[in-house]
């Protein structure tokens, strides 16, 4: 049996982020805390509605990620931390991006 030696850990990545709900185009602003090719964690104000179980589009500086919200935890300074797991882009989500990227 071959043992996998590589590991995909999240690394610190501080940037402003926007979380977009594709169905309603509602946007939430936050701060990215860490990132990996498989996911991202973002701090948002505590009063941000729960995003658990929802698929979202995340824009963080040079990154665009389609992801599912999988965990929410309390954070410091009246915020909460939302963890997202990356998804493959579907044709519908790509179409949404191309239609809204110029507006």
Protein backbone atom coordinates (compact mmCIF):
# COMPACT_ATOMS: atom_id res chain seq x y z
CA UNK A 1 0.00 0.00 0.00
CA UNK A 2 1.33 3.44 -0.94
CA UNK A 3 1.07 6.11 1.73
CA UNK A 4 0.09 9.58 0.54
CA UNK A 5 2.74 12.06 1.69
CA UNK A 6 1.14 15.23 0.42
CA UNK A 7 -1.48 17.03 2.42
CA UNK A 8 -3.72 19.94 1.50
CA UNK A 9 -3.77 22.16 4.56
CA UNK A 10 -5.37 25.55 4.70
CA UNK A 11 -2.96 28.47 4.86
CA UNK A 12 -3.53 31.93 6.29
CA UNK A 13 -4.88 34.30 3.65
CA UNK A 14 -6.12 37.73 4.70
CA UNK A 15 -8.31 39.54 2.18
CA UNK A 16 -11.70 41.13 1.81
CA UNK A 17 -14.26 38.69 0.44
CA UNK A 18 -17.74 38.78 -0.99
CA UNK A 19 -20.10 35.83 -0.62
CA UNK A 20 -22.87 35.76 -3.25
CA UNK A 21 -26.02 33.65 -3.20
CA UNK A 22 -26.54 32.82 -6.89
CA UNK A 23 -30.33 32.37 -6.60
CA UNK A 24 -31.04 35.79 -5.09
CA UNK A 25 -27.81 37.72 -5.89
CA UNK A 26 -27.70 38.67 -2.19
CA UNK A 27 -24.17 39.59 -1.09
CA UNK A 28 -22.35 39.37 2.23
CA UNK A 29 -18.96 40.98 2.89
CA UNK A 30 -16.38 39.28 5.06
CA UNK A 31 -12.68 38.70 5.62
CA UNK A 32 -10.96 35.55 4.42
CA UNK A 33 -9.03 33.84 7.22
CA UNK A 34 -7.56 30.80 5.49
CA UNK A 35 -7.74 28.96 2.20
CA UNK A 36 -6.82 25.75 0.39
CA UNK A 37 -7.67 24.37 -3.05
CA UNK A 38 -10.50 22.46 -1.35
CA UNK A 39 -12.03 25.13 0.85
CA UNK A 40 -12.00 28.52 2.50
CA UNK A 41 -12.94 30.08 5.86
CA UNK A 42 -14.42 33.57 6.04
CA UNK A 43 -15.31 35.79 9.03
CA UNK A 44 -18.58 37.67 8.65
CA UNK A 45 -20.61 39.86 11.02
CA UNK A 46 -22.53 37.81 13.60
CA UNK A 47 -25.88 39.05 12.24
CA UNK A 48 -25.21 37.55 8.78
CA UNK A 49 -27.98 35.01 8.10
CA UNK A 50 -27.00 31.36 8.37
CA UNK A 51 -25.52 30.07 5.12
CA UNK A 52 -25.22 26.43 6.26
CA UNK A 53 -26.06 23.99 3.49
CA UNK A 54 -26.19 26.69 0.83
CA UNK A 55 -24.11 26.83 -2.33
CA UNK A 56 -22.43 30.19 -2.82
CA UNK A 57 -19.95 31.99 -5.04
CA UNK A 58 -17.00 33.52 -3.19
CA UNK A 59 -14.84 36.31 -4.59
CA UNK A 60 -11.61 37.03 -2.70
CA UNK A 61 -9.14 39.27 -4.53
CA UNK A 62 -7.78 37.00 -7.31
CA UNK A 63 -9.93 33.98 -6.46
CA UNK A 64 -13.43 32.92 -7.44
CA UNK A 65 -14.73 29.78 -5.74
CA UNK A 66 -18.03 27.91 -5.96
CA UNK A 67 -18.57 26.32 -2.54
CA UNK A 68 -20.95 24.87 0.03
CA UNK A 69 -21.20 26.32 3.54
CA UNK A 70 -20.46 23.39 5.86
CA UNK A 71 -19.80 24.91 9.30
CA UNK A 72 -20.41 28.09 11.29
CA UNK A 73 -18.56 28.89 14.52
CA UNK A 74 -18.56 31.94 16.80
CA UNK A 75 -15.52 34.21 16.37
CA UNK A 76 -14.07 37.22 18.17
CA UNK A 77 -15.36 40.79 17.85
CA UNK A 78 -19.05 40.00 17.31
CA UNK A 79 -18.36 37.87 14.22
CA UNK A 80 -18.77 34.28 13.12
CA UNK A 81 -16.51 32.08 11.04
CA UNK A 82 -18.03 30.19 8.12
CA UNK A 83 -16.20 27.22 6.59
CA UNK A 84 -16.82 26.39 2.94
CA UNK A 85 -15.95 23.30 0.90
CA UNK A 86 -15.14 23.89 -2.77
CA UNK A 87 -17.40 22.51 -5.51
CA UNK A 88 -16.87 22.07 -9.22
CA UNK A 89 -18.45 24.83 -11.27
CA UNK A 90 -21.62 23.77 -13.04
CA UNK A 91 -22.58 25.15 -16.43
CA UNK A 92 -25.40 27.12 -14.76
CA UNK A 93 -23.07 28.78 -12.25
CA UNK A 94 -20.55 29.65 -14.95
CA UNK A 95 -23.37 31.15 -17.02
CA UNK A 96 -24.47 33.19 -13.98
CA UNK A 97 -20.92 34.51 -13.56
CA UNK A 98 -20.56 35.46 -17.22
CA UNK A 99 -23.93 37.22 -17.24
CA UNK A 100 -23.22 39.19 -14.04
CA UNK A 101 -19.53 39.88 -14.36
CA UNK A 102 -20.09 42.90 -16.59
CA UNK A 103 -22.80 44.46 -14.42
